[in-house]
Protein backbone atom coordinates (compact mmCIF):
# COMPACT_ATOMS: atom_id res chain seq x y z
CA MET A 1 -13.59 -21.45 50.81
CA SER A 2 -15.74 -20.37 48.13
CA GLU A 3 -18.70 -18.71 49.67
CA LEU A 4 -21.08 -21.55 50.71
CA ASP A 5 -24.85 -21.61 49.54
CA LEU A 6 -26.25 -22.39 52.63
CA LEU A 7 -24.57 -22.65 56.45
CA VAL A 8 -26.86 -24.47 59.29
CA LYS A 9 -25.33 -23.26 62.92
CA GLY A 10 -25.17 -24.08 66.09
CA GLY A 11 -27.06 -27.09 66.13
CA GLU A 12 -26.15 -30.87 67.51
CA ALA A 13 -25.35 -32.96 64.31
CA VAL A 14 -25.93 -36.78 64.42
CA ILE A 15 -22.87 -38.13 62.41
CA GLY A 16 -22.41 -42.02 62.66
CA GLN A 17 -22.77 -43.16 66.38
CA ASP A 18 -21.91 -39.80 67.57
CA VAL A 19 -24.08 -36.15 68.42
CA VAL A 20 -21.78 -33.56 68.38
CA LYS A 21 -21.76 -29.75 68.44
CA ALA A 22 -21.41 -29.23 64.25
CA ASP A 23 -21.74 -26.46 61.54
CA ILE A 24 -22.57 -27.98 58.29
CA GLY A 25 -21.81 -26.10 55.06
CA ILE A 26 -23.65 -26.37 51.75
CA LYS A 27 -23.00 -25.83 48.31
CA ASP A 28 -24.48 -26.75 45.05
CA GLY A 29 -27.11 -29.04 47.35
CA ILE A 30 -24.11 -31.46 48.67
CA VAL A 31 -22.65 -31.09 52.21
CA THR A 32 -18.93 -29.67 51.97
CA VAL A 33 -17.73 -28.53 55.11
CA VAL A 34 -18.98 -30.27 58.98
CA GLY A 35 -16.93 -28.46 61.81
CA ALA A 36 -17.76 -26.85 65.24
CA GLY A 37 -17.91 -22.57 65.27
CA LEU A 38 -17.44 -22.46 61.07
CA GLU A 39 -17.16 -19.08 60.08
CA ALA A 40 -17.68 -19.04 56.15
CA SER A 41 -19.27 -17.06 54.14
CA ALA A 42 -23.11 -18.38 52.91
CA ARG A 43 -25.54 -16.77 50.82
CA GLU A 44 -27.90 -17.97 53.50
CA THR A 45 -27.49 -18.92 57.55
CA VAL A 46 -30.18 -21.32 59.40
CA ASP A 47 -29.69 -21.13 63.06
CA ALA A 48 -30.54 -24.62 64.69
CA SER A 49 -29.32 -23.73 68.43
CA GLY A 50 -31.28 -26.23 70.52
CA LEU A 51 -32.16 -28.28 67.70
CA LEU A 52 -30.90 -31.59 66.28
CA VAL A 53 -29.72 -31.64 62.66
CA LEU A 54 -30.37 -35.37 61.44
CA PRO A 55 -29.94 -36.87 58.10
CA GLY A 56 -33.24 -37.16 56.01
CA GLY A 57 -34.77 -39.99 56.19
CA VAL A 58 -34.92 -42.97 53.41
CA ASP A 59 -37.91 -45.06 54.15
CA SER A 60 -37.44 -48.20 52.25
CA HIS A 61 -40.82 -49.28 51.78
CA VAL A 62 -43.57 -47.47 50.93
CA HIS A 63 -46.53 -47.94 48.39
CA ILE A 64 -47.00 -44.91 46.16
CA ASP A 65 -49.79 -44.28 43.43
CA GLN A 66 -50.30 -48.56 43.21
CA PRO A 67 -52.41 -50.53 41.30
CA SER A 68 -54.68 -52.60 43.53
CA GLY A 69 -56.46 -54.89 41.06
CA SER A 70 -59.94 -54.48 42.46
CA ALA A 71 -62.03 -51.81 42.45
CA ALA A 72 -60.04 -50.49 45.46
CA GLU A 73 -57.35 -47.69 45.06
CA MET A 74 -54.55 -46.31 47.00
CA CYS A 75 -55.02 -43.19 47.57
CA ASP A 76 -51.62 -41.35 47.36
CA THR A 77 -50.07 -40.29 44.40
CA PHE A 78 -46.34 -39.31 44.28
CA ASP A 79 -47.62 -35.56 44.40
CA THR A 80 -49.48 -36.50 47.96
CA ALA A 81 -46.94 -39.15 49.29
CA SER A 82 -44.36 -36.95 48.94
CA ALA A 83 -45.64 -33.94 50.61
CA SER A 84 -46.52 -36.28 53.43
CA ALA A 85 -42.64 -37.98 53.79
CA ALA A 86 -41.36 -34.25 53.18
CA ALA A 87 -44.18 -33.14 56.51
CA GLY A 88 -42.13 -36.04 58.40
CA GLY A 89 -38.63 -35.74 57.82
CA THR A 90 -37.81 -37.80 55.09
CA THR A 91 -36.40 -36.97 52.06
CA SER A 92 -35.79 -40.50 49.99
CA VAL A 93 -38.19 -43.22 49.08
CA ILE A 94 -38.43 -46.67 47.92
CA CYS A 95 -41.57 -47.40 46.29
CA PHE A 96 -42.66 -50.42 44.13
CA ALA A 97 -42.81 -50.71 40.23
CA TRP A 98 -45.74 -53.59 40.75
CA GLN A 99 -46.43 -56.28 38.07
CA SER A 100 -49.50 -57.18 38.10
CA PRO A 101 -50.62 -60.17 36.27
CA GLY A 102 -50.02 -60.40 32.71
CA GLU A 103 -47.95 -57.10 32.48
CA SER A 104 -44.45 -56.33 30.88
CA LEU A 105 -42.13 -55.56 34.37
CA ALA A 106 -40.50 -53.00 31.84
CA ALA A 107 -43.65 -51.11 30.54
CA VAL A 108 -44.57 -50.76 34.63
CA ALA A 109 -41.25 -49.68 35.53
CA ALA A 110 -41.28 -46.83 32.36
CA ASP A 111 -45.17 -46.00 33.92
CA TYR A 112 -43.64 -45.47 37.22
CA ALA A 113 -40.37 -43.57 36.41
CA GLU A 114 -42.86 -41.20 34.34
CA ARG A 115 -45.15 -41.12 37.17
CA ALA A 116 -42.52 -40.18 39.89
CA ARG A 117 -41.60 -36.87 38.26
CA VAL A 118 -43.73 -34.63 40.75
CA SER A 119 -42.13 -36.29 43.26
CA ARG A 120 -41.10 -33.39 46.26
CA VAL A 121 -38.24 -36.31 47.67
CA ASP A 122 -35.56 -38.40 46.04
CA TYR A 123 -36.89 -41.87 45.07
CA ALA A 124 -35.82 -45.19 43.79
CA PHE A 125 -37.75 -48.53 42.53
CA HIS A 126 -38.37 -51.83 43.86
CA LEU A 127 -39.64 -54.48 41.22
CA THR A 128 -42.47 -56.15 42.21
CA ILE A 129 -42.66 -59.47 40.38
CA THR A 130 -46.29 -61.19 40.70
CA ASP A 131 -45.96 -63.25 37.37
CA PRO A 132 -42.22 -64.34 36.44
CA THR A 133 -42.68 -65.46 33.13
CA GLU A 134 -39.52 -66.29 30.90
CA GLU A 135 -40.27 -62.76 28.91
CA VAL A 136 -40.22 -60.77 32.54
CA VAL A 137 -37.49 -62.75 34.19
CA GLU A 138 -34.89 -63.67 31.38
CA LYS A 139 -35.61 -60.70 29.11
CA GLU A 140 -36.59 -58.06 30.82
CA LEU A 141 -35.43 -58.33 34.41
CA PRO A 142 -31.54 -57.69 33.42
CA ALA A 143 -31.71 -54.31 31.74
CA LEU A 144 -34.05 -53.13 34.74
CA VAL A 145 -31.74 -54.54 36.95
CA ALA A 146 -28.51 -52.89 35.20
CA ALA A 147 -30.30 -49.55 34.71
CA GLY A 148 -30.27 -49.22 39.06
CA ASN A 149 -33.27 -50.86 40.26
CA ARG A 150 -31.01 -53.05 42.36
CA SER A 151 -34.22 -54.48 44.26
CA ILE A 152 -36.45 -57.27 43.85
CA LYS A 153 -39.73 -57.59 45.99
CA ILE A 154 -41.91 -61.07 45.77
CA PHE A 155 -45.06 -62.09 47.51
CA MET A 156 -45.52 -65.28 49.15
CA THR A 157 -48.97 -64.56 49.89
CA TYR A 158 -52.30 -63.34 48.25
CA LYS A 159 -54.26 -64.63 45.46
CA GLY A 160 -52.70 -63.32 42.23
CA VAL A 161 -50.12 -62.01 43.50
CA GLY A 162 -48.31 -64.68 45.75
CA LEU A 163 -45.97 -66.85 43.87
CA GLU A 164 -45.28 -70.76 43.96
CA ASP A 165 -42.56 -72.37 45.63
CA ARG A 166 -40.70 -73.12 42.39
CA GLU A 167 -41.85 -69.58 40.63
CA ILE A 168 -40.12 -67.94 44.19
CA LEU A 169 -36.80 -70.42 43.27
CA ARG A 170 -36.46 -68.62 39.86
CA VAL A 171 -37.08 -65.10 40.86
CA LEU A 172 -33.73 -65.73 43.56
CA ASP A 173 -31.95 -67.25 40.82
CA ALA A 174 -31.94 -64.77 38.47
CA ALA A 175 -31.79 -62.00 41.64
CA ARG A 176 -28.39 -63.67 42.36
CA ARG A 177 -27.31 -63.47 38.54
CA ASN A 178 -28.04 -60.01 38.27
CA LYS A 179 -27.06 -58.97 41.32
CA ALA A 180 -29.85 -57.44 42.87
CA LEU A 181 -31.63 -57.90 46.53
CA VAL A 182 -34.88 -59.90 47.19
CA CYS A 183 -37.29 -58.41 49.84
CA VAL A 184 -39.96 -60.65 50.96
CA HIS A 185 -43.42 -60.66 52.25
CA ALA A 186 -43.29 -63.35 53.92
CA GLU A 187 -46.62 -65.29 55.11
CA ASN A 188 -48.02 -68.86 54.43
CA ASN A 189 -50.43 -68.50 52.24
CA ALA A 190 -52.67 -72.05 52.42
CA LEU A 191 -52.63 -71.43 56.19
CA ILE A 192 -53.97 -68.12 55.56
CA ASP A 193 -57.13 -69.19 53.19
CA TYR A 194 -57.45 -72.56 55.62
CA MET A 195 -57.89 -70.11 58.47
CA THR A 196 -59.78 -67.44 57.06
CA GLU A 197 -62.50 -70.18 55.45
CA LYS A 198 -62.63 -71.61 59.33
CA LEU A 199 -63.88 -68.06 60.60
CA LEU A 200 -66.38 -66.87 57.89
CA GLU A 201 -67.87 -70.57 58.24
CA GLY A 202 -67.93 -70.05 62.09
CA GLY A 203 -69.50 -66.69 61.85
CA LEU A 204 -66.62 -64.97 62.96
CA SER A 205 -66.44 -61.81 60.01
CA ALA A 206 -65.64 -58.86 61.87
CA PRO A 207 -62.58 -56.66 61.49
CA LYS A 208 -61.28 -58.02 65.27
CA TYR A 209 -60.76 -60.96 64.07
CA PHE A 210 -58.50 -60.52 61.10
CA PRO A 211 -55.18 -60.99 63.21
CA TRP A 212 -56.51 -64.53 64.00
CA SER A 213 -56.34 -65.51 60.03
CA LYS A 214 -53.07 -64.65 60.07
CA PRO A 215 -51.77 -66.18 62.78
CA SER A 216 -47.93 -65.76 63.79
CA VAL A 217 -47.09 -69.14 63.00
CA ALA A 218 -48.20 -68.43 59.11
CA GLU A 219 -45.35 -65.90 59.10
CA ARG A 220 -42.60 -67.27 61.30
CA GLU A 221 -43.39 -70.50 58.60
CA ALA A 222 -42.91 -68.35 55.51
CA VAL A 223 -40.04 -66.58 56.99
CA GLN A 224 -38.49 -70.32 57.40
CA ARG A 225 -38.96 -71.48 54.12
CA ILE A 226 -37.70 -68.21 52.03
CA ILE A 227 -34.31 -68.07 54.23
CA ALA A 228 -34.00 -71.88 53.34
CA PHE A 229 -34.53 -71.10 49.98
CA GLY A 230 -32.19 -68.04 50.20
CA GLU A 231 -29.46 -70.12 51.57
CA ALA A 232 -29.78 -73.11 48.81
CA LEU A 233 -29.00 -70.81 46.01
CA ASP A 234 -26.78 -68.18 48.38
CA VAL A 235 -29.25 -65.37 47.58
CA PRO A 236 -28.83 -62.02 49.89
CA LEU A 237 -32.66 -61.17 51.58
CA GLU A 238 -34.70 -58.49 53.17
CA ILE A 239 -37.42 -59.86 55.53
CA PHE A 240 -40.09 -56.87 55.37
CA HIS A 241 -42.57 -55.97 57.84
CA VAL A 242 -41.37 -58.26 60.51
CA SER A 243 -44.21 -58.35 63.43
CA GLY A 244 -43.18 -60.15 66.30
CA ALA A 245 -40.99 -62.46 67.89
CA GLY A 246 -41.73 -66.07 66.31
CA PRO A 247 -40.18 -64.19 62.49
CA ALA A 248 -37.88 -62.59 64.39
CA ALA A 249 -36.15 -65.55 65.88
CA GLU A 250 -36.01 -67.23 62.84
CA ILE A 251 -34.00 -64.32 61.37
CA GLU A 252 -31.69 -64.37 63.91
CA ARG A 253 -31.12 -68.01 63.64
CA ALA A 254 -30.10 -67.25 60.21
CA GLN A 255 -27.91 -64.45 60.85
CA ALA A 256 -25.81 -66.61 63.15
CA ARG A 257 -25.45 -69.13 60.96
CA GLY A 258 -23.27 -66.59 58.70
CA LEU A 259 -26.20 -65.59 55.67
CA LYS A 260 -27.16 -62.12 54.26
CA VAL A 261 -30.41 -62.22 55.55
CA TRP A 262 -31.59 -58.37 56.91
CA ALA A 263 -34.66 -57.51 58.12
CA GLU A 264 -37.29 -54.70 59.13
CA THR A 265 -39.91 -53.55 61.30
CA CYS A 266 -42.82 -50.75 61.30
CA PRO A 267 -44.11 -47.86 63.84
CA HIS A 268 -47.78 -50.10 63.69
CA TYR A 269 -46.45 -53.19 64.65
CA LEU A 270 -44.50 -51.33 67.87
CA THR A 271 -47.39 -49.19 68.50
CA ILE A 272 -51.01 -50.98 67.65
CA VAL A 273 -51.71 -54.51 69.44
CA ALA A 274 -54.28 -56.70 67.89
CA ASP A 275 -57.04 -55.80 70.93
CA ASP A 276 -57.10 -52.34 69.04
CA LEU A 277 -58.63 -53.73 66.06
CA ASP A 278 -61.58 -54.57 68.19
CA LYS A 279 -63.57 -51.14 68.01
CA PRO A 280 -67.37 -50.21 67.61
CA GLY A 281 -68.88 -51.44 63.97
CA PHE A 282 -66.42 -50.89 61.21
CA GLU A 283 -63.70 -48.70 63.04
CA GLY A 284 -61.19 -51.90 63.12
CA ALA A 285 -60.77 -52.29 59.70
CA LYS A 286 -58.64 -48.79 59.97
CA LEU A 287 -55.90 -50.98 61.40
CA ILE A 288 -55.79 -53.90 58.74
CA PHE A 289 -52.90 -54.44 57.99
CA GLY A 290 -50.77 -57.54 56.57
CA PRO A 291 -49.21 -59.28 59.05
CA PRO A 292 -51.25 -57.93 61.46
CA ALA A 293 -50.63 -56.49 64.61
CA ARG A 294 -49.98 -58.77 67.24
CA THR A 295 -49.27 -58.73 71.00
CA SER A 296 -47.64 -56.34 73.98
CA ALA A 297 -45.03 -59.33 74.40
CA ASP A 298 -44.45 -59.22 70.65
CA GLN A 299 -43.71 -55.52 70.69
CA GLU A 300 -41.61 -56.23 73.65
CA ALA A 301 -39.43 -58.67 71.54
CA LEU A 302 -39.59 -56.31 68.72
CA TRP A 303 -37.73 -53.69 70.72
CA ASP A 304 -35.33 -56.30 72.02
CA TYR A 305 -34.61 -57.70 68.37
CA ILE A 306 -34.12 -54.24 67.09
CA ARG A 307 -31.50 -52.77 70.27
CA ARG A 308 -29.25 -55.78 69.05
CA GLY A 309 -29.35 -55.40 65.33
CA VAL A 310 -31.46 -58.33 64.60
CA ILE A 311 -34.34 -55.76 62.36
CA SER A 312 -32.00 -52.89 61.51
CA ILE A 313 -34.54 -50.71 59.26
CA ILE A 314 -37.87 -49.33 59.87
CA SER A 315 -40.26 -48.38 57.24
CA SER A 316 -43.38 -46.76 56.93
CA ASP A 317 -44.96 -49.64 54.46
CA HIS A 318 -47.26 -46.41 53.88
CA SER A 319 -50.10 -48.42 52.22
CA PRO A 320 -53.10 -45.76 52.32
CA SER A 321 -56.37 -46.20 51.87
CA ARG A 322 -59.40 -43.76 52.41
CA TYR A 323 -61.77 -45.26 55.27
CA ASP A 324 -64.97 -43.45 54.56
CA ASP A 325 -64.74 -44.34 51.03
CA PRO A 326 -66.25 -46.74 48.44
CA LYS A 327 -62.82 -46.94 47.01
CA GLY A 328 -60.82 -47.19 50.25
CA LYS A 329 -61.78 -49.55 53.24
CA LYS A 330 -65.55 -49.82 52.55
CA VAL A 331 -65.10 -50.90 48.98
CA ALA A 332 -67.49 -54.20 49.75
CA GLY A 333 -69.31 -51.73 51.91
CA ASP A 334 -69.53 -51.51 55.92
CA THR A 335 -70.31 -54.36 56.73
CA ALA A 336 -68.07 -56.47 54.84
CA PRO A 337 -66.07 -59.27 55.88
CA PHE A 338 -62.58 -59.02 57.00
CA SER A 339 -61.49 -61.02 54.19
CA VAL A 340 -62.27 -58.02 51.49
CA ILE A 341 -60.84 -55.40 53.50
CA PRO A 342 -58.18 -53.42 51.97
CA ASN A 343 -54.73 -54.45 53.70
CA GLY A 344 -52.53 -51.58 54.93
CA VAL A 345 -52.24 -48.16 56.74
CA PRO A 346 -50.60 -44.73 55.87
CA GLY A 347 -47.43 -44.07 57.82
CA LEU A 348 -45.10 -41.56 55.35
CA ALA A 349 -45.14 -38.51 57.51
CA ALA A 350 -45.80 -40.71 60.99
CA ARG A 351 -43.03 -42.75 61.03
CA MET A 352 -39.86 -41.20 62.26
CA PRO A 353 -41.88 -38.95 64.62
CA VAL A 354 -43.86 -41.93 66.67
CA LEU A 355 -40.29 -43.91 66.50
CA PHE A 356 -38.57 -41.08 67.77
CA SER A 357 -41.30 -40.61 70.67
CA GLU A 358 -41.65 -44.55 71.59
CA GLY A 359 -37.89 -44.83 70.96
CA VAL A 360 -35.57 -41.92 72.17
CA SER A 361 -38.12 -40.13 74.27
CA LYS A 362 -39.18 -42.82 76.11
CA GLY A 363 -35.32 -44.27 76.45
CA ARG A 364 -35.56 -47.43 74.82
CA ILE A 365 -33.01 -46.58 72.37
CA SER A 366 -30.37 -43.97 71.75
CA ILE A 367 -30.54 -41.04 69.02
CA SER A 368 -27.66 -42.56 66.94
CA LYS A 369 -29.50 -45.95 66.69
CA PHE A 370 -32.82 -44.04 65.66
CA VAL A 371 -30.87 -42.04 62.74
CA ASP A 372 -29.58 -45.51 62.00
CA LEU A 373 -32.93 -47.37 61.82
CA VAL A 374 -34.76 -44.55 59.88
CA SER A 375 -31.71 -43.28 57.37
CA THR A 376 -28.21 -44.69 57.11
CA ALA A 377 -29.18 -48.45 57.65
CA PRO A 378 -31.41 -48.34 54.41
CA ALA A 379 -29.15 -46.59 52.60
CA LYS A 380 -26.44 -48.52 53.54
CA LEU A 381 -28.69 -51.41 52.54
CA PHE A 382 -30.32 -50.20 49.57
CA GLY A 383 -27.11 -49.14 47.82
CA LEU A 384 -27.65 -44.93 48.36
CA TYR A 385 -25.15 -45.01 50.90
CA PRO A 386 -23.05 -42.56 51.60
CA ARG A 387 -24.76 -40.18 49.20
CA LYS A 388 -28.07 -40.57 51.37
CA GLY A 389 -28.61 -41.63 54.99
CA THR A 390 -25.34 -39.43 56.57
CA LEU A 391 -24.36 -35.74 56.80
CA ALA A 392 -20.59 -36.42 55.76
CA VAL A 393 -18.81 -34.53 53.12
CA GLY A 394 -19.74 -35.52 49.62
CA SER A 395 -23.01 -36.66 51.16
CA ASP A 396 -26.21 -34.80 49.68
CA ALA A 397 -27.59 -32.06 51.59
CA ASP A 398 -30.48 -33.95 52.85
CA PHE A 399 -31.25 -33.32 56.82
CA VAL A 400 -33.61 -32.49 59.20
CA LEU A 401 -34.29 -30.10 61.68
CA TRP A 402 -35.41 -32.33 64.64
CA ASP A 403 -37.16 -30.43 68.24
CA PRO A 404 -36.63 -33.29 70.51
CA ARG A 405 -38.33 -31.62 73.53
CA MET A 406 -41.61 -30.46 70.85
CA LYS A 407 -44.69 -31.83 71.71
CA VAL A 408 -47.36 -32.72 69.51
CA THR A 409 -50.61 -34.21 69.26
CA LEU A 410 -51.11 -35.97 65.70
CA THR A 411 -53.80 -35.05 63.67
CA ASN A 412 -54.87 -36.23 60.04
CA ALA A 413 -54.27 -32.88 58.58
CA MET A 414 -50.57 -33.13 59.30
CA MET A 415 -49.99 -35.54 57.85
CA HIS A 416 -50.49 -34.29 54.23
CA HIS A 417 -51.14 -37.12 52.48
CA GLY A 418 -54.39 -38.67 50.44
CA SER A 419 -56.30 -40.50 53.34
CA ASP A 420 -58.81 -39.39 55.43
CA TYR A 421 -57.21 -40.81 58.81
CA THR A 422 -54.34 -41.79 60.49
CA PRO A 423 -53.82 -44.88 62.73
CA TRP A 424 -52.10 -42.31 65.20
CA GLU A 425 -54.76 -39.88 65.64
CA GLY A 426 -54.99 -38.02 68.73
CA VAL A 427 -51.36 -39.41 69.62
CA GLU A 428 -49.22 -37.37 71.57
CA VAL A 429 -45.40 -37.39 70.74
CA THR A 430 -42.55 -35.96 71.88
CA GLY A 431 -40.15 -34.73 69.41
CA TYR A 432 -40.65 -33.59 65.94
CA PRO A 433 -39.33 -32.15 62.42
CA VAL A 434 -39.05 -28.38 62.13
CA ALA A 435 -37.82 -28.53 58.88
CA THR A 436 -36.56 -30.47 56.01
CA TYR A 437 -34.23 -29.89 53.87
CA LEU A 438 -33.34 -31.93 50.54
CA ARG A 439 -30.44 -30.98 48.62
CA GLY A 440 -30.27 -28.31 50.84
CA ARG A 441 -33.54 -26.65 49.48
CA GLU A 442 -35.81 -26.07 52.07
CA ILE A 443 -38.96 -28.37 51.73
CA PHE A 444 -41.20 -27.84 54.72
CA ARG A 445 -41.21 -26.04 57.47
CA ALA A 446 -43.46 -25.90 60.68
CA GLY A 447 -46.22 -27.76 58.91
CA GLU A 448 -46.34 -26.11 55.52
CA ILE A 449 -45.03 -28.07 52.53
CA LEU A 450 -42.78 -25.61 50.33
CA VAL A 451 -42.38 -26.87 46.94
CA GLU A 452 -43.74 -28.53 44.15
CA GLY A 453 -41.74 -31.43 42.58
CA GLY A 454 -38.08 -31.45 42.60
CA GLY A 455 -36.98 -35.23 43.50
CA GLU A 456 -34.69 -36.74 41.62
CA HIS A 457 -34.62 -40.75 40.67
CA LEU A 458 -31.80 -42.56 42.60
CA ALA A 459 -30.33 -45.21 39.95
CA ARG A 460 -28.47 -48.05 42.05
CA PRO A 461 -25.48 -49.24 41.09
CA GLU A 462 -23.73 -52.76 41.96
CA TYR A 463 -22.56 -52.23 45.61
CA PRO A 464 -21.29 -55.10 48.14
CA MET A 465 -23.15 -55.59 50.75
CA ILE A 466 -25.81 -57.75 48.74
CA GLU A 467 -22.96 -59.85 47.07
CA PRO A 468 -23.52 -63.30 47.45
CA ARG A 469 -21.23 -64.95 50.11
CA GLU A 470 -20.42 -67.97 47.41
CA LYS A 471 -21.21 -70.50 50.05
CA PHE A 472 -24.02 -73.24 49.31
CA PRO A 473 -24.97 -76.19 51.30
CA THR A 474 -23.31 -78.94 48.69
CA PRO A 475 -20.12 -78.35 46.52
CA PHE A 476 -22.92 -77.80 43.84
CA ASN A 477 -23.73 -74.01 42.83
CA PRO A 478 -27.14 -74.73 41.33
CA VAL A 479 -27.54 -71.12 39.70
CA GLU A 480 -24.22 -71.05 37.59
CA ARG A 481 -24.73 -75.01 37.30
CA THR A 482 -21.37 -75.53 38.63
CA VAL A 483 -19.06 -77.53 40.95
CA VAL A 484 -17.26 -75.36 43.54
CA SER A 485 -14.14 -76.35 44.55
């Protein structure tokens, strides 16, 4: 064996379903050998005794350097967001190349690719379509997907962003023809508009009323509807940020029918409830995100759906804005109604520590389940596996040295993001990253970001997991306009 660049010795590695005592040898950024008691020659040896060695996190739902369409601004560039990712043990992110109405999707994708060059972690893109014109869907989209952008994001709500049903069907049709996965923000826009109007007419405008404007039934109905559309066109779907029991039940029913429907949730749905928005003054605005926080009963249901595999991915839905800033949560002032407060919370650095603490340390899930949720499952679903999401020979040497017993009180300074707050300020977690490595290069250790740049774009070729089932509700394939024999 030629000399290794790096040898990680003495740790407990999480490999698939197993937690095993194993050393890991790395050469040219790739895992080249895994085994107990390796005595190989290496230019550098890292002692991982007493630590877990985890595959680097894959966060498949993050908003970075994204236009908002208003005076509000997202406060993370790829520079700050990738620092936050590294600080939390995440080595790959999938963010949104966000088309605003009237824009060329190809131009947007090119712009994002340029901005992402400063990233410290590896990255891929979801193509966000808010204006599915003929030019975008039929001329631009095929080349963008063929270039490795294998996922499309659509919204069913939000003015100027959400698509009407016929537009949704048009995007699903194009996704099937171009072999792309469709990711969906599923909420019923008309019902939300109605509830918001009635709440404001009733004088109920404080942040704490935001969850009332987006009841679970609005999410449940939209999830059922998009699943029906996907079933009719035989299009695989990923349902983003499932907030509670109602929509999760719809997804489980679809999976039981054999449909290719996957789901994610986020740490804020597992740790924050609607009542937490009832804070003095404007403080509740910090916890406005959509779909909104639900109830403790919904949280218990989510944990059950996670354990049973109905929900298979935990993302951060990192959507950062500043709180005490006229371009952030206070864009309309600190007495503004909930309807004009920017949505979203920062969560990149907190995702893995919060989930480990709430899940593994509290006995809700195993260590191997944790790794699957934050790394392996998203890598598989989004076409990055086995390059990412595992510590196997031939995989990228992305890994985290994790202390499962370390107790840490979270602060905003530890997040390394552009926001001026974290929803988990002052929360004590058990289990925390000691060091993060990207392709064998240490990028974070003991609270410090160690590198500038170095991230690479992850182009995703065709992959079997998201191939259609070739089953339709009738003998007619509407996408290809053929009769199925």
